[in-house]
PDB file of N, CA and C in Angstrom:
ATOM      1  N   UNK A   1     100.558  74.279 115.463  1.00  0.00           N
ATOM      2  CA  UNK A   1      99.578  73.928 116.479  1.00  0.00           C
ATOM      3  C   UNK A   1      98.184  73.933 115.875  1.00  0.00           C
ATOM      4  N   UNK A   2      97.327  73.204 116.516  1.00  0.00           N
ATOM      5  CA  UNK A   2      95.984  72.985 116.015  1.00  0.00           C
ATOM      6  C   UNK A   2      94.965  73.752 116.864  1.00  0.00           C
ATOM      7  N   UNK A   3      94.028  74.469 116.204  1.00  0.00           N
ATOM      8  CA  UNK A   3      92.970  75.212 116.896  1.00  0.00           C
ATOM      9  C   UNK A   3      91.652  74.995 116.154  1.00  0.00           C
ATOM     10  N   UNK A   4      90.962  73.861 116.415  1.00  0.00           N
ATOM     11  CA  UNK A   4      89.719  73.596 115.685  1.00  0.00           C
ATOM     12  C   UNK A   4      88.714  74.750 115.828  1.00  0.00           C
ATOM     13  N   UNK A   5      88.187  75.200 114.690  1.00  0.00           N
ATOM     14  CA  UNK A   5      87.315  76.379 114.689  1.00  0.00           C
ATOM     15  C   UNK A   5      85.939  76.113 115.299  1.00  0.00           C
ATOM     16  N   UNK A   6      85.529  74.836 115.420  1.00  0.00           N
ATOM     17  CA  UNK A   6      84.204  74.536 115.985  1.00  0.00           C
ATOM     18  C   UNK A   6      84.190  74.573 117.515  1.00  0.00           C
ATOM     19  N   UNK A   7      85.360  74.725 118.121  1.00  0.00           N
ATOM     20  CA  UNK A   7      85.460  74.748 119.576  1.00  0.00           C
ATOM     21  C   UNK A   7      85.492  76.184 120.094  1.00  0.00           C
ATOM     22  N   UNK A   8      85.201  76.328 121.393  1.00  0.00           N
ATOM     23  CA  UNK A   8      85.392  77.597 122.101  1.00  0.00           C
ATOM     24  C   UNK A   8      86.552  77.394 123.066  1.00  0.00           C
ATOM     25  N   UNK A   9      87.217  78.478 123.433  1.00  0.00           N
ATOM     26  CA  UNK A   9      88.432  78.409 124.235  1.00  0.00           C
ATOM     27  C   UNK A   9      88.365  79.378 125.414  1.00  0.00           C
ATOM     28  N   UNK A  10      89.193  79.109 126.448  1.00  0.00           N
ATOM     29  CA  UNK A  10      89.263  79.999 127.594  1.00  0.00           C
ATOM     30  C   UNK A  10      90.675  80.560 127.720  1.00  0.00           C
ATOM     31  N   UNK A  11      90.802  81.626 128.496  1.00  0.00           N
ATOM     32  CA  UNK A  11      92.125  82.190 128.761  1.00  0.00           C
ATOM     33  C   UNK A  11      92.929  81.299 129.707  1.00  0.00           C
ATOM     34  N   UNK A  12      92.261  80.289 130.303  1.00  0.00           N
ATOM     35  CA  UNK A  12      92.955  79.304 131.139  1.00  0.00           C
ATOM     36  C   UNK A  12      93.396  78.093 130.316  1.00  0.00           C
ATOM     37  N   UNK A  13      93.187  78.138 128.998  1.00  0.00           N
ATOM     38  CA  UNK A  13      93.667  77.135 128.039  1.00  0.00           C
ATOM     39  C   UNK A  13      92.852  75.840 128.036  1.00  0.00           C
ATOM     40  N   UNK A  14      91.557  75.939 128.365  1.00  0.00           N
ATOM     41  CA  UNK A  14      90.657  74.813 128.160  1.00  0.00           C
ATOM     42  C   UNK A  14      89.896  75.041 126.860  1.00  0.00           C
ATOM     43  N   UNK A  15      89.426  73.944 126.263  1.00  0.00           N
ATOM     44  CA  UNK A  15      88.515  74.030 125.117  1.00  0.00           C
ATOM     45  C   UNK A  15      87.209  73.358 125.509  1.00  0.00           C
ATOM     46  N   UNK A  16      86.142  73.719 124.791  1.00  0.00           N
ATOM     47  CA  UNK A  16      84.829  73.147 125.052  1.00  0.00           C
ATOM     48  C   UNK A  16      84.103  72.931 123.726  1.00  0.00           C
ATOM     49  N   UNK A  17      83.467  71.770 123.620  1.00  0.00           N
ATOM     50  CA  UNK A  17      82.639  71.445 122.454  1.00  0.00           C
ATOM     51  C   UNK A  17      81.220  71.223 122.973  1.00  0.00           C
ATOM     52  N   UNK A  18      80.285  72.059 122.537  1.00  0.00           N
ATOM     53  CA  UNK A  18      78.888  71.958 122.964  1.00  0.00           C
ATOM     54  C   UNK A  18      78.160  70.977 122.038  1.00  0.00           C
ATOM     55  N   UNK A  19      77.473  70.014 122.652  1.00  0.00           N
ATOM     56  CA  UNK A  19      76.674  69.037 121.899  1.00  0.00           C
ATOM     57  C   UNK A  19      75.295  68.973 122.550  1.00  0.00           C
ATOM     58  N   UNK A  20      74.387  69.847 122.094  1.00  0.00           N
ATOM     59  CA  UNK A  20      73.053  69.898 122.697  1.00  0.00           C
ATOM     60  C   UNK A  20      73.123  70.484 124.089  1.00  0.00           C
ATOM     61  N   UNK A  21      72.660  69.714 125.096  1.00  0.00           N
ATOM     62  CA  UNK A  21      72.686  70.215 126.475  1.00  0.00           C
ATOM     63  C   UNK A  21      73.866  69.660 127.269  1.00  0.00           C
ATOM     64  N   UNK A  22      74.842  69.058 126.557  1.00  0.00           N
ATOM     65  CA  UNK A  22      76.056  68.590 127.208  1.00  0.00           C
ATOM     66  C   UNK A  22      77.270  69.234 126.532  1.00  0.00           C
ATOM     67  N   UNK A  23      78.403  69.099 127.165  1.00  0.00           N
ATOM     68  CA  UNK A  23      79.638  69.650 126.605  1.00  0.00           C
ATOM     69  C   UNK A  23      80.798  68.742 126.962  1.00  0.00           C
ATOM     70  N   UNK A  24      81.778  68.715 126.083  1.00  0.00           N
ATOM     71  CA  UNK A  24      83.024  67.975 126.298  1.00  0.00           C
ATOM     72  C   UNK A  24      84.112  69.025 126.494  1.00  0.00           C
ATOM     73  N   UNK A  25      84.988  68.783 127.473  1.00  0.00           N
ATOM     74  CA  UNK A  25      86.014  69.757 127.836  1.00  0.00           C
ATOM     75  C   UNK A  25      87.386  69.076 127.898  1.00  0.00           C
ATOM     76  N   UNK A  26      88.398  69.802 127.455  1.00  0.00           N
ATOM     77  CA  UNK A  26      89.776  69.330 127.554  1.00  0.00           C
ATOM     78  C   UNK A  26      90.709  70.525 127.608  1.00  0.00           C
ATOM     79  N   UNK A  27      92.011  70.263 127.486  1.00  0.00           N
ATOM     80  CA  UNK A  27      92.966  71.373 127.427  1.00  0.00           C
ATOM     81  C   UNK A  27      93.473  71.507 125.999  1.00  0.00           C
ATOM     82  N   UNK A  28      93.911  72.704 125.670  1.00  0.00           N
ATOM     83  CA  UNK A  28      94.296  73.009 124.298  1.00  0.00           C
ATOM     84  C   UNK A  28      95.652  72.408 123.925  1.00  0.00           C
ATOM     85  N   UNK A  29      95.880  72.360 122.632  1.00  0.00           N
ATOM     86  CA  UNK A  29      97.157  71.907 122.098  1.00  0.00           C
ATOM     87  C   UNK A  29      98.289  72.783 122.649  1.00  0.00           C
ATOM     88  N   UNK A  30      98.033  74.079 122.731  1.00  0.00           N
ATOM     89  CA  UNK A  30      99.024  75.010 123.290  1.00  0.00           C
ATOM     90  C   UNK A  30      99.336  74.651 124.744  1.00  0.00           C
ATOM     91  N   UNK A  31      98.296  74.379 125.546  1.00  0.00           N
ATOM     92  CA  UNK A  31      98.490  74.064 126.966  1.00  0.00           C
ATOM     93  C   UNK A  31      99.304  72.788 127.147  1.00  0.00           C
ATOM     94  N   UNK A  32      98.942  71.734 126.410  1.00  0.00           N
ATOM     95  CA  UNK A  32      99.688  70.483 126.577  1.00  0.00           C
ATOM     96  C   UNK A  32     101.125  70.654 126.133  1.00  0.00           C
ATOM     97  N   UNK A  33     101.350  71.477 125.122  1.00  0.00           N
ATOM     98  CA  UNK A  33     102.702  71.733 124.636  1.00  0.00           C
ATOM     99  C   UNK A  33     103.526  72.470 125.695  1.00  0.00           C
ATOM    100  N   UNK A  34     102.908  73.450 126.364  1.00  0.00           N
ATOM    101  CA  UNK A  34     103.583  74.212 127.415  1.00  0.00           C
ATOM    102  C   UNK A  34     103.872  73.338 128.642  1.00  0.00           C
ATOM    103  N   UNK A  35     102.929  72.448 128.979  1.00  0.00           N
ATOM    104  CA  UNK A  35     103.092  71.592 130.153  1.00  0.00           C
ATOM    105  C   UNK A  35     104.170  70.534 129.955  1.00  0.00           C
ATOM    106  N   UNK A  36     104.292  70.037 128.738  1.00  0.00           N
ATOM    107  CA  UNK A  36     105.219  68.941 128.478  1.00  0.00           C
ATOM    108  C   UNK A  36     104.531  67.603 128.681  1.00  0.00           C
ATOM    109  N   UNK A  37     105.305  66.563 128.924  1.00  0.00           N
ATOM    110  CA  UNK A  37     104.758  65.212 129.019  1.00  0.00           C
ATOM    111  C   UNK A  37     103.834  65.071 130.228  1.00  0.00           C
ATOM    112  N   UNK A  38     102.563  64.794 129.938  1.00  0.00           N
ATOM    113  CA  UNK A  38     101.573  64.635 131.002  1.00  0.00           C
ATOM    114  C   UNK A  38     101.631  63.200 131.513  1.00  0.00           C
ATOM    115  N   UNK A  39     101.789  63.072 132.835  1.00  0.00           N
ATOM    116  CA  UNK A  39     101.963  61.757 133.444  1.00  0.00           C
ATOM    117  C   UNK A  39     100.755  61.325 134.278  1.00  0.00           C
ATOM    118  N   UNK A  40      99.854  62.263 134.612  1.00  0.00           N
ATOM    119  CA  UNK A  40      98.703  61.906 135.439  1.00  0.00           C
ATOM    120  C   UNK A  40      97.609  62.963 135.282  1.00  0.00           C
ATOM    121  N   UNK A  41      96.370  62.492 135.184  1.00  0.00           N
ATOM    122  CA  UNK A  41      95.213  63.379 135.158  1.00  0.00           C
ATOM    123  C   UNK A  41      94.367  63.033 136.376  1.00  0.00           C
ATOM    124  N   UNK A  42      94.123  64.011 137.235  1.00  0.00           N
ATOM    125  CA  UNK A  42      93.398  63.802 138.492  1.00  0.00           C
ATOM    126  C   UNK A  42      92.081  64.564 138.458  1.00  0.00           C
ATOM    127  N   UNK A  43      90.993  63.829 138.217  1.00  0.00           N
ATOM    128  CA  UNK A  43      89.661  64.432 138.187  1.00  0.00           C
ATOM    129  C   UNK A  43      88.750  63.552 139.031  1.00  0.00           C
ATOM    130  N   UNK A  44      88.244  64.106 140.126  1.00  0.00           N
ATOM    131  CA  UNK A  44      87.347  63.341 140.993  1.00  0.00           C
ATOM    132  C   UNK A  44      86.087  64.138 141.321  1.00  0.00           C
ATOM    133  N   UNK A  45      85.552  64.798 140.285  1.00  0.00           N
ATOM    134  CA  UNK A  45      84.390  65.668 140.483  1.00  0.00           C
ATOM    135  C   UNK A  45      83.116  65.118 139.832  1.00  0.00           C
ATOM    136  N   UNK A  46      83.077  63.822 139.506  1.00  0.00           N
ATOM    137  CA  UNK A  46      81.867  63.251 138.886  1.00  0.00           C
ATOM    138  C   UNK A  46      80.673  63.493 139.805  1.00  0.00           C
ATOM    139  N   UNK A  47      79.578  63.977 139.194  1.00  0.00           N
ATOM    140  CA  UNK A  47      78.354  64.236 139.943  1.00  0.00           C
ATOM    141  C   UNK A  47      78.298  65.601 140.594  1.00  0.00           C
ATOM    142  N   UNK A  48      79.395  66.348 140.568  1.00  0.00           N
ATOM    143  CA  UNK A  48      79.424  67.661 141.211  1.00  0.00           C
ATOM    144  C   UNK A  48      78.938  68.750 140.262  1.00  0.00           C
ATOM    145  N   UNK A  49      78.126  69.651 140.809  1.00  0.00           N
ATOM    146  CA  UNK A  49      77.693  70.841 140.071  1.00  0.00           C
ATOM    147  C   UNK A  49      78.717  71.929 140.343  1.00  0.00           C
ATOM    148  N   UNK A  50      79.341  72.421 139.295  1.00  0.00           N
ATOM    149  CA  UNK A  50      80.407  73.415 139.425  1.00  0.00           C
ATOM    150  C   UNK A  50      80.019  74.705 138.723  1.00  0.00           C
ATOM    151  N   UNK A  51      80.426  75.810 139.304  1.00  0.00           N
ATOM    152  CA  UNK A  51      80.208  77.107 138.682  1.00  0.00           C
ATOM    153  C   UNK A  51      81.305  77.414 137.693  1.00  0.00           C
ATOM    154  N   UNK A  52      80.995  78.288 136.757  1.00  0.00           N
ATOM    155  CA  UNK A  52      81.965  78.701 135.747  1.00  0.00           C
ATOM    156  C   UNK A  52      83.250  79.165 136.427  1.00  0.00           C
ATOM    157  N   UNK A  53      84.386  78.635 135.985  1.00  0.00           N
ATOM    158  CA  UNK A  53      85.682  79.032 136.510  1.00  0.00           C
ATOM    159  C   UNK A  53      86.176  78.222 137.696  1.00  0.00           C
ATOM    160  N   UNK A  54      85.344  77.294 138.206  1.00  0.00           N
ATOM    161  CA  UNK A  54      85.783  76.469 139.332  1.00  0.00           C
ATOM    162  C   UNK A  54      86.721  75.361 138.849  1.00  0.00           C
ATOM    163  N   UNK A  55      87.551  74.870 139.750  1.00  0.00           N
ATOM    164  CA  UNK A  55      88.497  73.798 139.434  1.00  0.00           C
ATOM    165  C   UNK A  55      87.744  72.466 139.358  1.00  0.00           C
ATOM    166  N   UNK A  56      87.953  71.731 138.251  1.00  0.00           N
ATOM    167  CA  UNK A  56      87.322  70.411 138.131  1.00  0.00           C
ATOM    168  C   UNK A  56      88.329  69.278 138.218  1.00  0.00           C
ATOM    169  N   UNK A  57      89.608  69.602 138.304  1.00  0.00           N
ATOM    170  CA  UNK A  57      90.642  68.583 138.416  1.00  0.00           C
ATOM    171  C   UNK A  57      92.001  69.208 138.183  1.00  0.00           C
ATOM    172  N   UNK A  58      92.984  68.344 137.951  1.00  0.00           N
ATOM    173  CA  UNK A  58      94.336  68.836 137.664  1.00  0.00           C
ATOM    174  C   UNK A  58      95.056  67.868 136.738  1.00  0.00           C
ATOM    175  N   UNK A  59      96.076  68.386 136.080  1.00  0.00           N
ATOM    176  CA  UNK A  59      96.960  67.552 135.268  1.00  0.00           C
ATOM    177  C   UNK A  59      98.360  67.680 135.837  1.00  0.00           C
ATOM    178  N   UNK A  60      99.051  66.548 135.846  1.00  0.00           N
ATOM    179  CA  UNK A  60     100.418  66.534 136.341  1.00  0.00           C
ATOM    180  C   UNK A  60     101.346  66.213 135.181  1.00  0.00           C
ATOM    181  N   UNK A  61     102.281  67.109 134.967  1.00  0.00           N
ATOM    182  CA  UNK A  61     103.319  66.884 133.965  1.00  0.00           C
ATOM    183  C   UNK A  61     104.612  66.561 134.710  1.00  0.00           C
ATOM    184  N   UNK A  62     105.652  66.270 133.973  1.00  0.00           N
ATOM    185  CA  UNK A  62     106.903  65.860 134.591  1.00  0.00           C
ATOM    186  C   UNK A  62     107.402  66.902 135.600  1.00  0.00           C
ATOM    187  N   UNK A  63     107.248  68.193 135.292  1.00  0.00           N
ATOM    188  CA  UNK A  63     107.814  69.235 136.146  1.00  0.00           C
ATOM    189  C   UNK A  63     106.788  70.106 136.860  1.00  0.00           C
ATOM    190  N   UNK A  64     105.492  69.896 136.650  1.00  0.00           N
ATOM    191  CA  UNK A  64     104.505  70.805 137.234  1.00  0.00           C
ATOM    192  C   UNK A  64     103.133  70.147 137.367  1.00  0.00           C
ATOM    193  N   UNK A  65     102.290  70.753 138.192  1.00  0.00           N
ATOM    194  CA  UNK A  65     100.878  70.362 138.305  1.00  0.00           C
ATOM    195  C   UNK A  65     100.066  71.602 137.980  1.00  0.00           C
ATOM    196  N   UNK A  66      99.020  71.430 137.188  1.00  0.00           N
ATOM    197  CA  UNK A  66      98.204  72.567 136.778  1.00  0.00           C
ATOM    198  C   UNK A  66      96.728  72.265 137.019  1.00  0.00           C
ATOM    199  N   UNK A  67      96.021  73.217 137.629  1.00  0.00           N
ATOM    200  CA  UNK A  67      94.582  73.063 137.834  1.00  0.00           C
ATOM    201  C   UNK A  67      93.840  73.167 136.512  1.00  0.00           C
ATOM    202  N   UNK A  68      92.675  72.515 136.465  1.00  0.00           N
ATOM    203  CA  UNK A  68      91.779  72.564 135.312  1.00  0.00           C
ATOM    204  C   UNK A  68      90.534  73.339 135.728  1.00  0.00           C
ATOM    205  N   UNK A  69      90.155  74.338 134.934  1.00  0.00           N
ATOM    206  CA  UNK A  69      89.023  75.196 135.266  1.00  0.00           C
ATOM    207  C   UNK A  69      87.868  74.946 134.299  1.00  0.00           C
ATOM    208  N   UNK A  70      86.671  74.768 134.851  1.00  0.00           N
ATOM    209  CA  UNK A  70      85.511  74.499 134.018  1.00  0.00           C
ATOM    210  C   UNK A  70      85.093  75.806 133.323  1.00  0.00           C
ATOM    211  N   UNK A  71      84.936  75.777 131.996  1.00  0.00           N
ATOM    212  CA  UNK A  71      84.666  77.020 131.265  1.00  0.00           C
ATOM    213  C   UNK A  71      83.230  77.533 131.390  1.00  0.00           C
ATOM    214  N   UNK A  72      82.298  76.665 131.754  1.00  0.00           N
ATOM    215  CA  UNK A  72      80.889  77.039 131.918  1.00  0.00           C
ATOM    216  C   UNK A  72      80.327  76.269 133.110  1.00  0.00           C
ATOM    217  N   UNK A  73      79.254  76.773 133.680  1.00  0.00           N
ATOM    218  CA  UNK A  73      78.626  76.083 134.806  1.00  0.00           C
ATOM    219  C   UNK A  73      77.992  74.783 134.329  1.00  0.00           C
ATOM    220  N   UNK A  74      78.128  73.732 135.144  1.00  0.00           N
ATOM    221  CA  UNK A  74      77.530  72.458 134.781  1.00  0.00           C
ATOM    222  C   UNK A  74      77.859  71.374 135.791  1.00  0.00           C
ATOM    223  N   UNK A  75      77.263  70.210 135.556  1.00  0.00           N
ATOM    224  CA  UNK A  75      77.492  69.051 136.411  1.00  0.00           C
ATOM    225  C   UNK A  75      78.355  68.049 135.660  1.00  0.00           C
ATOM    226  N   UNK A  76      79.409  67.588 136.298  1.00  0.00           N
ATOM    227  CA  UNK A  76      80.320  66.630 135.668  1.00  0.00           C
ATOM    228  C   UNK A  76      79.616  65.276 135.566  1.00  0.00           C
ATOM    229  N   UNK A  77      79.448  64.803 134.339  1.00  0.00           N
ATOM    230  CA  UNK A  77      78.762  63.537 134.072  1.00  0.00           C
ATOM    231  C   UNK A  77      79.722  62.372 133.922  1.00  0.00           C
ATOM    232  N   UNK A  78      80.873  62.648 133.330  1.00  0.00           N
ATOM    233  CA  UNK A  78      81.783  61.554 132.973  1.00  0.00           C
ATOM    234  C   UNK A  78      83.210  62.082 132.886  1.00  0.00           C
ATOM    235  N   UNK A  79      84.142  61.255 133.298  1.00  0.00           N
ATOM    236  CA  UNK A  79      85.569  61.521 133.121  1.00  0.00           C
ATOM    237  C   UNK A  79      86.078  60.528 132.085  1.00  0.00           C
ATOM    238  N   UNK A  80      86.940  60.974 131.210  1.00  0.00           N
ATOM    239  CA  UNK A  80      87.483  60.102 130.171  1.00  0.00           C
ATOM    240  C   UNK A  80      88.228  58.937 130.823  1.00  0.00           C
ATOM    241  N   UNK A  81      87.687  57.704 130.715  1.00  0.00           N
ATOM    242  CA  UNK A  81      88.317  56.565 131.378  1.00  0.00           C
ATOM    243  C   UNK A  81      89.677  56.190 130.785  1.00  0.00           C
ATOM    244  N   UNK A  82      89.921  56.558 129.535  1.00  0.00           N
ATOM    245  CA  UNK A  82      91.194  56.215 128.895  1.00  0.00           C
ATOM    246  C   UNK A  82      92.383  56.920 129.537  1.00  0.00           C
ATOM    247  N   UNK A  83      92.133  58.066 130.187  1.00  0.00           N
ATOM    248  CA  UNK A  83      93.241  58.844 130.736  1.00  0.00           C
ATOM    249  C   UNK A  83      93.891  58.183 131.939  1.00  0.00           C
ATOM    250  N   UNK A  84      93.173  57.263 132.611  1.00  0.00           N
ATOM    251  CA  UNK A  84      93.768  56.541 133.738  1.00  0.00           C
ATOM    252  C   UNK A  84      95.004  55.766 133.309  1.00  0.00           C
ATOM    253  N   UNK A  85      94.894  55.056 132.206  1.00  0.00           N
ATOM    254  CA  UNK A  85      96.003  54.234 131.743  1.00  0.00           C
ATOM    255  C   UNK A  85      96.890  54.917 130.730  1.00  0.00           C
ATOM    256  N   UNK A  86      96.359  55.972 130.090  1.00  0.00           N
ATOM    257  CA  UNK A  86      97.110  56.652 129.032  1.00  0.00           C
ATOM    258  C   UNK A  86      96.983  58.172 129.151  1.00  0.00           C
ATOM    259  N   UNK A  87      97.527  58.780 130.213  1.00  0.00           N
ATOM    260  CA  UNK A  87      97.424  60.235 130.343  1.00  0.00           C
ATOM    261  C   UNK A  87      98.090  60.982 129.188  1.00  0.00           C
ATOM    262  N   UNK A  88      99.019  60.308 128.516  1.00  0.00           N
ATOM    263  CA  UNK A  88      99.712  60.941 127.391  1.00  0.00           C
ATOM    264  C   UNK A  88      98.788  61.232 126.208  1.00  0.00           C
ATOM    265  N   UNK A  89      97.558  60.687 126.217  1.00  0.00           N
ATOM    266  CA  UNK A  89      96.584  61.024 125.170  1.00  0.00           C
ATOM    267  C   UNK A  89      96.316  62.524 125.134  1.00  0.00           C
ATOM    268  N   UNK A  90      96.449  63.184 126.277  1.00  0.00           N
ATOM    269  CA  UNK A  90      96.272  64.636 126.323  1.00  0.00           C
ATOM    270  C   UNK A  90      97.343  65.313 125.464  1.00  0.00           C
ATOM    271  N   UNK A  91      98.547  64.746 125.427  1.00  0.00           N
ATOM    272  CA  UNK A  91      99.620  65.284 124.592  1.00  0.00           C
ATOM    273  C   UNK A  91      99.431  64.934 123.121  1.00  0.00           C
ATOM    274  N   UNK A  92      99.059  63.697 122.849  1.00  0.00           N
ATOM    275  CA  UNK A  92      99.043  63.223 121.464  1.00  0.00           C
ATOM    276  C   UNK A  92      97.747  63.553 120.721  1.00  0.00           C
ATOM    277  N   UNK A  93      96.622  63.704 121.444  1.00  0.00           N
ATOM    278  CA  UNK A  93      95.331  63.943 120.789  1.00  0.00           C
ATOM    279  C   UNK A  93      94.440  64.804 121.699  1.00  0.00           C
ATOM    280  N   UNK A  94      94.858  66.069 121.975  1.00  0.00           N
ATOM    281  CA  UNK A  94      94.148  66.875 122.967  1.00  0.00           C
ATOM    282  C   UNK A  94      92.684  67.160 122.624  1.00  0.00           C
ATOM    283  N   UNK A  95      92.335  67.181 121.337  1.00  0.00           N
ATOM    284  CA  UNK A  95      90.951  67.493 120.947  1.00  0.00           C
ATOM    285  C   UNK A  95      90.126  66.250 120.627  1.00  0.00           C
ATOM    286  N   UNK A  96      90.755  65.099 120.703  1.00  0.00           N
ATOM    287  CA  UNK A  96      90.072  63.847 120.389  1.00  0.00           C
ATOM    288  C   UNK A  96      90.058  62.930 121.589  1.00  0.00           C
ATOM    289  N   UNK A  97      90.877  61.870 121.534  1.00  0.00           N
ATOM    290  CA  UNK A  97      90.901  60.869 122.611  1.00  0.00           C
ATOM    291  C   UNK A  97      91.406  61.425 123.933  1.00  0.00           C
ATOM    292  N   UNK A  98      92.023  62.609 123.924  1.00  0.00           N
ATOM    293  CA  UNK A  98      92.548  63.217 125.145  1.00  0.00           C
ATOM    294  C   UNK A  98      91.569  64.145 125.859  1.00  0.00           C
ATOM    295  N   UNK A  99      90.271  64.072 125.490  1.00  0.00           N
ATOM    296  CA  UNK A  99      89.276  64.900 126.205  1.00  0.00           C
ATOM    297  C   UNK A  99      89.269  64.522 127.683  1.00  0.00           C
ATOM    298  N   UNK A 100      88.756  65.414 128.530  1.00  0.00           N
ATOM    299  CA  UNK A 100      88.824  65.173 129.974  1.00  0.00           C
ATOM    300  C   UNK A 100      87.485  64.870 130.628  1.00  0.00           C
ATOM    301  N   UNK A 101      86.501  65.741 130.453  1.00  0.00           N
ATOM    302  CA  UNK A 101      85.200  65.513 131.091  1.00  0.00           C
ATOM    303  C   UNK A 101      84.056  65.840 130.149  1.00  0.00           C
ATOM    304  N   UNK A 102      82.910  65.215 130.450  1.00  0.00           N
ATOM    305  CA  UNK A 102      81.638  65.586 129.833  1.00  0.00           C
ATOM    306  C   UNK A 102      80.777  66.165 130.945  1.00  0.00           C
ATOM    307  N   UNK A 103      80.096  67.266 130.636  1.00  0.00           N
ATOM    308  CA  UNK A 103      79.234  67.899 131.627  1.00  0.00           C
ATOM    309  C   UNK A 103      77.845  68.151 131.048  1.00  0.00           C
ATOM    310  N   UNK A 104      76.864  68.275 131.935  1.00  0.00           N
ATOM    311  CA  UNK A 104      75.558  68.783 131.514  1.00  0.00           C
ATOM    312  C   UNK A 104      75.583  70.278 131.779  1.00  0.00           C
ATOM    313  N   UNK A 105      75.108  71.048 130.827  1.00  0.00           N
ATOM    314  CA  UNK A 105      75.163  72.503 130.931  1.00  0.00           C
ATOM    315  C   UNK A 105      74.103  73.021 131.899  1.00  0.00           C
ATOM    316  N   UNK A 106      74.518  73.870 132.829  1.00  0.00           N
ATOM    317  CA  UNK A 106      73.587  74.482 133.773  1.00  0.00           C
ATOM    318  C   UNK A 106      72.907  75.690 133.142  1.00  0.00           C
ATOM    319  N   UNK A 107      73.642  76.450 132.356  1.00  0.00           N
ATOM    320  CA  UNK A 107      73.132  77.682 131.752  1.00  0.00           C
ATOM    321  C   UNK A 107      73.503  77.737 130.277  1.00  0.00           C
ATOM    322  N   UNK A 108      72.698  77.098 129.412  1.00  0.00           N
ATOM    323  CA  UNK A 108      73.023  77.184 127.988  1.00  0.00           C
ATOM    324  C   UNK A 108      73.193  78.650 127.585  1.00  0.00           C
ATOM    325  N   UNK A 109      74.212  78.907 126.821  1.00  0.00           N
ATOM    326  CA  UNK A 109      74.534  80.278 126.436  1.00  0.00           C
ATOM    327  C   UNK A 109      75.752  80.808 127.185  1.00  0.00           C
ATOM    328  N   UNK A 110      76.162  80.128 128.279  1.00  0.00           N
ATOM    329  CA  UNK A 110      77.370  80.518 129.013  1.00  0.00           C
ATOM    330  C   UNK A 110      78.580  80.601 128.082  1.00  0.00           C
ATOM    331  N   UNK A 111      78.580  79.741 127.085  1.00  0.00           N
ATOM    332  CA  UNK A 111      79.755  79.664 126.208  1.00  0.00           C
ATOM    333  C   UNK A 111      79.896  80.891 125.312  1.00  0.00           C
ATOM    334  N   UNK A 112      78.857  81.731 125.265  1.00  0.00           N
ATOM    335  CA  UNK A 112      78.913  82.908 124.395  1.00  0.00           C
ATOM    336  C   UNK A 112      80.060  83.844 124.753  1.00  0.00           C
ATOM    337  N   UNK A 113      80.498  83.853 126.003  1.00  0.00           N
ATOM    338  CA  UNK A 113      81.578  84.730 126.417  1.00  0.00           C
ATOM    339  C   UNK A 113      82.967  84.157 126.210  1.00  0.00           C
ATOM    340  N   UNK A 114      83.048  82.952 125.664  1.00  0.00           N
ATOM    341  CA  UNK A 114      84.354  82.305 125.476  1.00  0.00           C
ATOM    342  C   UNK A 114      85.007  82.753 124.171  1.00  0.00           C
ATOM    343  N   UNK A 115      86.265  82.408 124.014  1.00  0.00           N
ATOM    344  CA  UNK A 115      87.037  82.829 122.846  1.00  0.00           C
ATOM    345  C   UNK A 115      86.803  81.917 121.637  1.00  0.00           C
ATOM    346  N   UNK A 116      86.788  82.517 120.465  1.00  0.00           N
ATOM    347  CA  UNK A 116      86.790  81.734 119.222  1.00  0.00           C
ATOM    348  C   UNK A 116      88.215  81.232 119.001  1.00  0.00           C
ATOM    349  N   UNK A 117      88.379  80.325 118.044  1.00  0.00           N
ATOM    350  CA  UNK A 117      89.719  79.818 117.721  1.00  0.00           C
ATOM    351  C   UNK A 117      90.640  80.969 117.329  1.00  0.00           C
ATOM    352  N   UNK A 118      90.123  81.897 116.534  1.00  0.00           N
ATOM    353  CA  UNK A 118      90.919  83.034 116.091  1.00  0.00           C
ATOM    354  C   UNK A 118      91.308  83.924 117.269  1.00  0.00           C
ATOM    355  N   UNK A 119      90.359  84.191 118.177  1.00  0.00           N
ATOM    356  CA  UNK A 119      90.645  85.024 119.350  1.00  0.00           C
ATOM    357  C   UNK A 119      91.650  84.351 120.282  1.00  0.00           C
ATOM    358  N   UNK A 120      91.525  83.021 120.425  1.00  0.00           N
ATOM    359  CA  UNK A 120      92.451  82.296 121.280  1.00  0.00           C
ATOM    360  C   UNK A 120      93.872  82.353 120.725  1.00  0.00           C
ATOM    361  N   UNK A 121      93.999  82.199 119.411  1.00  0.00           N
ATOM    362  CA  UNK A 121      95.327  82.279 118.783  1.00  0.00           C
ATOM    363  C   UNK A 121      95.952  83.647 119.027  1.00  0.00           C
ATOM    364  N   UNK A 122      95.142  84.713 118.940  1.00  0.00           N
ATOM    365  CA  UNK A 122      95.651  86.056 119.225  1.00  0.00           C
ATOM    366  C   UNK A 122      96.070  86.158 120.680  1.00  0.00           C
ATOM    367  N   UNK A 123      95.252  85.583 121.579  1.00  0.00           N
ATOM    368  CA  UNK A 123      95.521  85.633 123.018  1.00  0.00           C
ATOM    369  C   UNK A 123      96.877  85.017 123.352  1.00  0.00           C
ATOM    370  N   UNK A 124      97.193  83.881 122.728  1.00  0.00           N
ATOM    371  CA  UNK A 124      98.463  83.208 123.033  1.00  0.00           C
ATOM    372  C   UNK A 124      99.611  83.680 122.141  1.00  0.00           C
ATOM    373  N   UNK A 125      99.292  84.564 121.206  1.00  0.00           N
ATOM    374  CA  UNK A 125     100.333  85.100 120.329  1.00  0.00           C
ATOM    375  C   UNK A 125     100.762  84.157 119.247  1.00  0.00           C
ATOM    376  N   UNK A 126      99.836  83.271 118.811  1.00  0.00           N
ATOM    377  CA  UNK A 126     100.162  82.297 117.757  1.00  0.00           C
ATOM    378  C   UNK A 126     100.039  82.930 116.379  1.00  0.00           C
TER     379      UNK A 126
END
């Protein structure tokens, strides 16, 4: 499994990449592996200001639906348009083309409490 060291992780299995005052968020390689084949990504929170830990959408796999939790407070700016036609990108490229949302950060520094790649691997027992 892949755990890019430049990302931060949550115990809910999301990853976040901070780029200035915005961030890109998706689910981890471990999460997509546990979920199985993802058939639908449902995110309809564009323009919404969400607090840390709030649900920003859900992913539907063949056997389950799982909520997506925003790792830091922010406003959803964009949803990955590719996921409408190719939700399986979350399975095949979770840290690249399978990203889910871009947000503007409400409180820069919120990410300081998130897990490093090494801490996340310990958390999941990898």
